[in-house]
PDB file of N, CA and C in Angstrom:
ATOM      1  N   MET A   1      -6.885   2.779  -4.074  1.00  0.00           N
ATOM      2  CA  MET A   1      -7.774   2.821  -5.233  1.00  0.00           C
ATOM      3  C   MET A   1      -9.115   2.215  -4.818  1.00  0.00           C
ATOM      4  N   THR A   2     -10.175   2.920  -5.118  1.00  0.00           N
ATOM      5  CA  THR A   2     -11.512   2.421  -4.805  1.00  0.00           C
ATOM      6  C   THR A   2     -11.957   1.420  -5.874  1.00  0.00           C
ATOM      7  N   LEU A   3     -13.057   0.738  -5.604  1.00  0.00           N
ATOM      8  CA  LEU A   3     -13.616  -0.195  -6.586  1.00  0.00           C
ATOM      9  C   LEU A   3     -13.963   0.540  -7.878  1.00  0.00           C
ATOM     10  N   ASP A   4     -14.571   1.725  -7.761  1.00  0.00           N
ATOM     11  CA  ASP A   4     -14.932   2.487  -8.967  1.00  0.00           C
ATOM     12  C   ASP A   4     -13.699   2.861  -9.780  1.00  0.00           C
ATOM     13  N   GLU A   5     -12.627   3.264  -9.100  1.00  0.00           N
ATOM     14  CA  GLU A   5     -11.387   3.603  -9.794  1.00  0.00           C
ATOM     15  C   GLU A   5     -10.779   2.368 -10.462  1.00  0.00           C
ATOM     16  N   PHE A   6     -10.891   1.221  -9.785  1.00  0.00           N
ATOM     17  CA  PHE A   6     -10.385  -0.025 -10.357  1.00  0.00           C
ATOM     18  C   PHE A   6     -11.164  -0.384 -11.616  1.00  0.00           C
ATOM     19  N   VAL A   7     -12.475  -0.238 -11.572  1.00  0.00           N
ATOM     20  CA  VAL A   7     -13.317  -0.528 -12.748  1.00  0.00           C
ATOM     21  C   VAL A   7     -12.906   0.384 -13.909  1.00  0.00           C
ATOM     22  N   GLU A   8     -12.655   1.676 -13.618  1.00  0.00           N
ATOM     23  CA  GLU A   8     -12.220   2.607 -14.662  1.00  0.00           C
ATOM     24  C   GLU A   8     -10.868   2.197 -15.254  1.00  0.00           C
ATOM     25  N   ALA A   9      -9.927   1.843 -14.386  1.00  0.00           N
ATOM     26  CA  ALA A   9      -8.599   1.424 -14.849  1.00  0.00           C
ATOM     27  C   ALA A   9      -8.702   0.136 -15.660  1.00  0.00           C
ATOM     28  N   PHE A  10      -9.559  -0.780 -15.215  1.00  0.00           N
ATOM     29  CA  PHE A  10      -9.789  -2.042 -15.928  1.00  0.00           C
ATOM     30  C   PHE A  10     -10.338  -1.732 -17.321  1.00  0.00           C
ATOM     31  N   ALA A  11     -11.336  -0.860 -17.397  1.00  0.00           N
ATOM     32  CA  ALA A  11     -11.969  -0.512 -18.666  1.00  0.00           C
ATOM     33  C   ALA A  11     -10.975   0.145 -19.620  1.00  0.00           C
ATOM     34  N   ALA A  12     -10.026   0.894 -19.079  1.00  0.00           N
ATOM     35  CA  ALA A  12      -9.051   1.605 -19.905  1.00  0.00           C
ATOM     36  C   ALA A  12      -8.139   0.650 -20.676  1.00  0.00           C
ATOM     37  N   GLU A  13      -8.075  -0.605 -20.243  1.00  0.00           N
ATOM     38  CA  GLU A  13      -7.236  -1.599 -20.921  1.00  0.00           C
ATOM     39  C   GLU A  13      -7.907  -2.158 -22.179  1.00  0.00           C
ATOM     40  N   PHE A  14      -9.159  -1.795 -22.410  1.00  0.00           N
ATOM     41  CA  PHE A  14      -9.905  -2.260 -23.579  1.00  0.00           C
ATOM     42  C   PHE A  14     -10.010  -1.132 -24.594  1.00  0.00           C
ATOM     43  N   ASP A  15      -9.827  -1.457 -25.862  1.00  0.00           N
ATOM     44  CA  ASP A  15      -9.859  -0.445 -26.911  1.00  0.00           C
ATOM     45  C   ASP A  15     -11.238  -0.270 -27.541  1.00  0.00           C
ATOM     46  N   GLU A  16     -11.973  -1.349 -27.703  1.00  0.00           N
ATOM     47  CA  GLU A  16     -13.201  -1.305 -28.505  1.00  0.00           C
ATOM     48  C   GLU A  16     -14.481  -1.470 -27.701  1.00  0.00           C
ATOM     49  N   THR A  17     -14.386  -1.930 -26.462  1.00  0.00           N
ATOM     50  CA  THR A  17     -15.583  -2.171 -25.659  1.00  0.00           C
ATOM     51  C   THR A  17     -16.052  -0.858 -25.034  1.00  0.00           C
ATOM     52  N   PRO A  18     -17.335  -0.489 -25.224  1.00  0.00           N
ATOM     53  CA  PRO A  18     -17.840   0.764 -24.648  1.00  0.00           C
ATOM     54  C   PRO A  18     -17.677   0.787 -23.126  1.00  0.00           C
ATOM     55  N   GLU A  19     -17.355   1.954 -22.592  1.00  0.00           N
ATOM     56  CA  GLU A  19     -17.086   2.079 -21.159  1.00  0.00           C
ATOM     57  C   GLU A  19     -18.291   1.696 -20.313  1.00  0.00           C
ATOM     58  N   ASP A  20     -19.504   1.889 -20.841  1.00  0.00           N
ATOM     59  CA  ASP A  20     -20.701   1.566 -20.052  1.00  0.00           C
ATOM     60  C   ASP A  20     -20.898   0.055 -19.879  1.00  0.00           C
ATOM     61  N   GLN A  21     -20.069  -0.747 -20.522  1.00  0.00           N
ATOM     62  CA  GLN A  21     -20.120  -2.209 -20.362  1.00  0.00           C
ATOM     63  C   GLN A  21     -19.430  -2.656 -19.072  1.00  0.00           C
ATOM     64  N   PHE A  22     -18.675  -1.747 -18.457  1.00  0.00           N
ATOM     65  CA  PHE A  22     -17.860  -2.106 -17.303  1.00  0.00           C
ATOM     66  C   PHE A  22     -18.509  -1.652 -16.004  1.00  0.00           C
ATOM     67  N   LYS A  23     -18.911  -2.631 -15.209  1.00  0.00           N
ATOM     68  CA  LYS A  23     -19.478  -2.407 -13.876  1.00  0.00           C
ATOM     69  C   LYS A  23     -18.776  -3.392 -12.939  1.00  0.00           C
ATOM     70  N   ALA A  24     -18.948  -3.207 -11.648  1.00  0.00           N
ATOM     71  CA  ALA A  24     -18.305  -4.098 -10.671  1.00  0.00           C
ATOM     72  C   ALA A  24     -18.705  -5.561 -10.901  1.00  0.00           C
ATOM     73  N   ASP A  25     -19.951  -5.781 -11.332  1.00  0.00           N
ATOM     74  CA  ASP A  25     -20.434  -7.160 -11.502  1.00  0.00           C
ATOM     75  C   ASP A  25     -20.318  -7.670 -12.942  1.00  0.00           C
ATOM     76  N   THR A  26     -19.569  -6.957 -13.791  1.00  0.00           N
ATOM     77  CA  THR A  26     -19.364  -7.402 -15.175  1.00  0.00           C
ATOM     78  C   THR A  26     -18.595  -8.715 -15.201  1.00  0.00           C
ATOM     79  N   LEU A  27     -19.110  -9.681 -15.941  1.00  0.00           N
ATOM     80  CA  LEU A  27     -18.411 -10.956 -16.160  1.00  0.00           C
ATOM     81  C   LEU A  27     -17.410 -10.709 -17.284  1.00  0.00           C
ATOM     82  N   PHE A  28     -16.214 -10.269 -16.895  1.00  0.00           N
ATOM     83  CA  PHE A  28     -15.268  -9.720 -17.876  1.00  0.00           C
ATOM     84  C   PHE A  28     -14.785 -10.726 -18.902  1.00  0.00           C
ATOM     85  N   LYS A  29     -14.737 -12.009 -18.567  1.00  0.00           N
ATOM     86  CA  LYS A  29     -14.271 -12.997 -19.548  1.00  0.00           C
ATOM     87  C   LYS A  29     -15.297 -13.255 -20.648  1.00  0.00           C
ATOM     88  N   GLU A  30     -16.525 -12.745 -20.463  1.00  0.00           N
ATOM     89  CA  GLU A  30     -17.561 -12.894 -21.488  1.00  0.00           C
ATOM     90  C   GLU A  30     -17.561 -11.737 -22.482  1.00  0.00           C
ATOM     91  N   LEU A  31     -16.746 -10.706 -22.241  1.00  0.00           N
ATOM     92  CA  LEU A  31     -16.649  -9.585 -23.176  1.00  0.00           C
ATOM     93  C   LEU A  31     -15.989 -10.062 -24.469  1.00  0.00           C
ATOM     94  N   ASP A  32     -16.508  -9.595 -25.604  1.00  0.00           N
ATOM     95  CA  ASP A  32     -15.969 -10.006 -26.909  1.00  0.00           C
ATOM     96  C   ASP A  32     -14.482  -9.714 -27.032  1.00  0.00           C
ATOM     97  N   GLU A  33     -14.049  -8.616 -26.441  1.00  0.00           N
ATOM     98  CA  GLU A  33     -12.665  -8.184 -26.592  1.00  0.00           C
ATOM     99  C   GLU A  33     -11.697  -8.901 -25.642  1.00  0.00           C
ATOM    100  N   TRP A  34     -12.218  -9.687 -24.683  1.00  0.00           N
ATOM    101  CA  TRP A  34     -11.360 -10.372 -23.718  1.00  0.00           C
ATOM    102  C   TRP A  34     -10.445 -11.364 -24.428  1.00  0.00           C
ATOM    103  N   SER A  35      -9.161 -11.343 -24.076  1.00  0.00           N
ATOM    104  CA  SER A  35      -8.194 -12.284 -24.652  1.00  0.00           C
ATOM    105  C   SER A  35      -7.035 -12.451 -23.677  1.00  0.00           C
ATOM    106  N   SER A  36      -6.128 -13.344 -24.007  1.00  0.00           N
ATOM    107  CA  SER A  36      -4.954 -13.531 -23.159  1.00  0.00           C
ATOM    108  C   SER A  36      -4.100 -12.267 -23.145  1.00  0.00           C
ATOM    109  N   LEU A  37      -4.115 -11.530 -24.259  1.00  0.00           N
ATOM    110  CA  LEU A  37      -3.363 -10.277 -24.314  1.00  0.00           C
ATOM    111  C   LEU A  37      -3.970  -9.239 -23.362  1.00  0.00           C
ATOM    112  N   THR A  38      -5.285  -9.190 -23.300  1.00  0.00           N
ATOM    113  CA  THR A  38      -5.950  -8.285 -22.367  1.00  0.00           C
ATOM    114  C   THR A  38      -5.615  -8.677 -20.942  1.00  0.00           C
ATOM    115  N   ALA A  39      -5.587  -9.974 -20.664  1.00  0.00           N
ATOM    116  CA  ALA A  39      -5.232 -10.448 -19.322  1.00  0.00           C
ATOM    117  C   ALA A  39      -3.839  -9.964 -18.939  1.00  0.00           C
ATOM    118  N   LEU A  40      -2.901 -10.025 -19.869  1.00  0.00           N
ATOM    119  CA  LEU A  40      -1.545  -9.543 -19.595  1.00  0.00           C
ATOM    120  C   LEU A  40      -1.550  -8.049 -19.292  1.00  0.00           C
ATOM    121  N   SER A  41      -2.365  -7.280 -20.007  1.00  0.00           N
ATOM    122  CA  SER A  41      -2.409  -5.835 -19.750  1.00  0.00           C
ATOM    123  C   SER A  41      -3.040  -5.541 -18.383  1.00  0.00           C
ATOM    124  N   ILE A  42      -3.985  -6.383 -17.953  1.00  0.00           N
ATOM    125  CA  ILE A  42      -4.577  -6.225 -16.610  1.00  0.00           C
ATOM    126  C   ILE A  42      -3.522  -6.536 -15.545  1.00  0.00           C
ATOM    127  N   ILE A  43      -2.745  -7.591 -15.759  1.00  0.00           N
ATOM    128  CA  ILE A  43      -1.658  -7.939 -14.828  1.00  0.00           C
ATOM    129  C   ILE A  43      -0.683  -6.771 -14.712  1.00  0.00           C
ATOM    130  N   SER A  44      -0.340  -6.164 -15.843  1.00  0.00           N
ATOM    131  CA  SER A  44       0.573  -5.028 -15.866  1.00  0.00           C
ATOM    132  C   SER A  44      -0.040  -3.809 -15.164  1.00  0.00           C
ATOM    133  N   MET A  45      -1.317  -3.547 -15.402  1.00  0.00           N
ATOM    134  CA  MET A  45      -2.008  -2.420 -14.771  1.00  0.00           C
ATOM    135  C   MET A  45      -1.999  -2.573 -13.255  1.00  0.00           C
ATOM    136  N   VAL A  46      -2.271  -3.783 -12.760  1.00  0.00           N
ATOM    137  CA  VAL A  46      -2.278  -4.034 -11.313  1.00  0.00           C
ATOM    138  C   VAL A  46      -0.881  -3.818 -10.736  1.00  0.00           C
ATOM    139  N   ASP A  47       0.130  -4.280 -11.454  1.00  0.00           N
ATOM    140  CA  ASP A  47       1.513  -4.104 -11.009  1.00  0.00           C
ATOM    141  C   ASP A  47       1.855  -2.617 -10.887  1.00  0.00           C
ATOM    142  N   GLU A  48       1.474  -1.831 -11.897  1.00  0.00           N
ATOM    143  CA  GLU A  48       1.791  -0.400 -11.896  1.00  0.00           C
ATOM    144  C   GLU A  48       0.954   0.379 -10.885  1.00  0.00           C
ATOM    145  N   ALA A  49      -0.341   0.108 -10.817  1.00  0.00           N
ATOM    146  CA  ALA A  49      -1.243   0.888  -9.967  1.00  0.00           C
ATOM    147  C   ALA A  49      -1.150   0.502  -8.493  1.00  0.00           C
ATOM    148  N   TYR A  50      -0.892  -0.776  -8.229  1.00  0.00           N
ATOM    149  CA  TYR A  50      -0.919  -1.283  -6.854  1.00  0.00           C
ATOM    150  C   TYR A  50       0.440  -1.745  -6.345  1.00  0.00           C
ATOM    151  N   ASP A  51       1.389  -1.910  -7.253  1.00  0.00           N
ATOM    152  CA  ASP A  51       2.677  -2.507  -6.902  1.00  0.00           C
ATOM    153  C   ASP A  51       2.457  -3.896  -6.297  1.00  0.00           C
ATOM    154  N   LYS A  52       1.504  -4.630  -6.878  1.00  0.00           N
ATOM    155  CA  LYS A  52       1.191  -6.000  -6.453  1.00  0.00           C
ATOM    156  C   LYS A  52       1.221  -6.897  -7.681  1.00  0.00           C
ATOM    157  N   GLN A  53       1.590  -8.166  -7.467  1.00  0.00           N
ATOM    158  CA  GLN A  53       1.664  -9.105  -8.573  1.00  0.00           C
ATOM    159  C   GLN A  53       0.480 -10.067  -8.517  1.00  0.00           C
ATOM    160  N   ILE A  54      -0.190 -10.200  -9.659  1.00  0.00           N
ATOM    161  CA  ILE A  54      -1.216 -11.225  -9.812  1.00  0.00           C
ATOM    162  C   ILE A  54      -0.813 -12.094 -10.999  1.00  0.00           C
ATOM    163  N   THR A  55      -1.389 -13.271 -11.052  1.00  0.00           N
ATOM    164  CA  THR A  55      -1.047 -14.230 -12.104  1.00  0.00           C
ATOM    165  C   THR A  55      -2.262 -14.497 -12.988  1.00  0.00           C
ATOM    166  N   GLY A  56      -2.010 -15.184 -14.082  1.00  0.00           N
ATOM    167  CA  GLY A  56      -3.107 -15.622 -14.937  1.00  0.00           C
ATOM    168  C   GLY A  56      -4.080 -16.504 -14.171  1.00  0.00           C
ATOM    169  N   ALA A  57      -3.539 -17.340 -13.280  1.00  0.00           N
ATOM    170  CA  ALA A  57      -4.398 -18.203 -12.458  1.00  0.00           C
ATOM    171  C   ALA A  57      -5.302 -17.357 -11.552  1.00  0.00           C
ATOM    172  N   ASP A  58      -4.760 -16.253 -11.020  1.00  0.00           N
ATOM    173  CA  ASP A  58      -5.580 -15.351 -10.203  1.00  0.00           C
ATOM    174  C   ASP A  58      -6.748 -14.815 -11.019  1.00  0.00           C
ATOM    175  N   ILE A  59      -6.451 -14.381 -12.242  1.00  0.00           N
ATOM    176  CA  ILE A  59      -7.506 -13.842 -13.106  1.00  0.00           C
ATOM    177  C   ILE A  59      -8.528 -14.926 -13.444  1.00  0.00           C
ATOM    178  N   ARG A  60      -8.044 -16.124 -13.749  1.00  0.00           N
ATOM    179  CA  ARG A  60      -8.973 -17.225 -14.086  1.00  0.00           C
ATOM    180  C   ARG A  60      -9.870 -17.584 -12.905  1.00  0.00           C
ATOM    181  N   SER A  61      -9.425 -17.333 -11.681  1.00  0.00           N
ATOM    182  CA  SER A  61     -10.218 -17.678 -10.495  1.00  0.00           C
ATOM    183  C   SER A  61     -11.337 -16.671 -10.229  1.00  0.00           C
ATOM    184  N   CYS A  62     -11.343 -15.560 -10.955  1.00  0.00           N
ATOM    185  CA  CYS A  62     -12.341 -14.510 -10.750  1.00  0.00           C
ATOM    186  C   CYS A  62     -13.315 -14.466 -11.925  1.00  0.00           C
ATOM    187  N   ALA A  63     -14.573 -14.173 -11.606  1.00  0.00           N
ATOM    188  CA  ALA A  63     -15.584 -14.053 -12.662  1.00  0.00           C
ATOM    189  C   ALA A  63     -15.929 -12.603 -12.945  1.00  0.00           C
ATOM    190  N   THR A  64     -15.973 -11.781 -11.885  1.00  0.00           N
ATOM    191  CA  THR A  64     -16.372 -10.381 -12.050  1.00  0.00           C
ATOM    192  C   THR A  64     -15.196  -9.446 -11.760  1.00  0.00           C
ATOM    193  N   ILE A  65     -15.345  -8.203 -12.190  1.00  0.00           N
ATOM    194  CA  ILE A  65     -14.309  -7.203 -11.921  1.00  0.00           C
ATOM    195  C   ILE A  65     -14.180  -6.996 -10.411  1.00  0.00           C
ATOM    196  N   LYS A  66     -15.294  -7.029  -9.685  1.00  0.00           N
ATOM    197  CA  LYS A  66     -15.250  -6.850  -8.232  1.00  0.00           C
ATOM    198  C   LYS A  66     -14.474  -7.984  -7.565  1.00  0.00           C
ATOM    199  N   GLU A  67     -14.650  -9.220  -8.020  1.00  0.00           N
ATOM    200  CA  GLU A  67     -13.893 -10.344  -7.453  1.00  0.00           C
ATOM    201  C   GLU A  67     -12.398 -10.135  -7.664  1.00  0.00           C
ATOM    202  N   LEU A  68     -12.024  -9.659  -8.842  1.00  0.00           N
ATOM    203  CA  LEU A  68     -10.616  -9.399  -9.125  1.00  0.00           C
ATOM    204  C   LEU A  68     -10.098  -8.269  -8.239  1.00  0.00           C
ATOM    205  N   TYR A  69     -10.885  -7.221  -8.077  1.00  0.00           N
ATOM    206  CA  TYR A  69     -10.521  -6.108  -7.192  1.00  0.00           C
ATOM    207  C   TYR A  69     -10.284  -6.628  -5.767  1.00  0.00           C
ATOM    208  N   ASN A  70     -11.205  -7.438  -5.263  1.00  0.00           N
ATOM    209  CA  ASN A  70     -11.072  -7.976  -3.904  1.00  0.00           C
ATOM    210  C   ASN A  70      -9.820  -8.839  -3.777  1.00  0.00           C
ATOM    211  N   LEU A  71      -9.507  -9.619  -4.801  1.00  0.00           N
ATOM    212  CA  LEU A  71      -8.308 -10.444  -4.793  1.00  0.00           C
ATOM    213  C   LEU A  71      -7.060  -9.565  -4.730  1.00  0.00           C
ATOM    214  N   VAL A  72      -7.038  -8.523  -5.545  1.00  0.00           N
ATOM    215  CA  VAL A  72      -5.880  -7.610  -5.551  1.00  0.00           C
ATOM    216  C   VAL A  72      -5.744  -6.940  -4.183  1.00  0.00           C
ATOM    217  N   GLU A  73      -6.862  -6.489  -3.618  1.00  0.00           N
ATOM    218  CA  GLU A  73      -6.828  -5.829  -2.312  1.00  0.00           C
ATOM    219  C   GLU A  73      -6.309  -6.773  -1.222  1.00  0.00           C
ATOM    220  N   SER A  74      -6.565  -8.067  -1.370  1.00  0.00           N
ATOM    221  CA  SER A  74      -6.174  -9.036  -0.337  1.00  0.00           C
ATOM    222  C   SER A  74      -4.686  -9.419  -0.403  1.00  0.00           C
ATOM    223  N   LYS A  75      -4.008  -9.065  -1.470  1.00  0.00           N
ATOM    224  CA  LYS A  75      -2.588  -9.447  -1.633  1.00  0.00           C
ATOM    225  C   LYS A  75      -1.668  -8.526  -0.861  1.00  0.00           C
TER     226      LYS A  75
END
C-alpha cells in the first residue's frame, strides 16, 4: 500500500470529515471527528489491510498520517 492509498483508507474511517481534509501531513488528532472510537477503527483497518498490529500508544506517538504510515511500514 502506498502512502496515498493509506491516506485514502485512513480517510474512509471518518464519516463526516470531508475527504480533502486528509493529506499526508494532516495532524489527524486535531480533526473534530477524531475520537478513541476512530482510533480503534484505524487499528482495525491496519490489521485488515496490512496484517500488522498497532496499539493506541503507537497512534498517540504519531502526529501526522504520514508518521503513522511510516510506523506501520516499519512493523
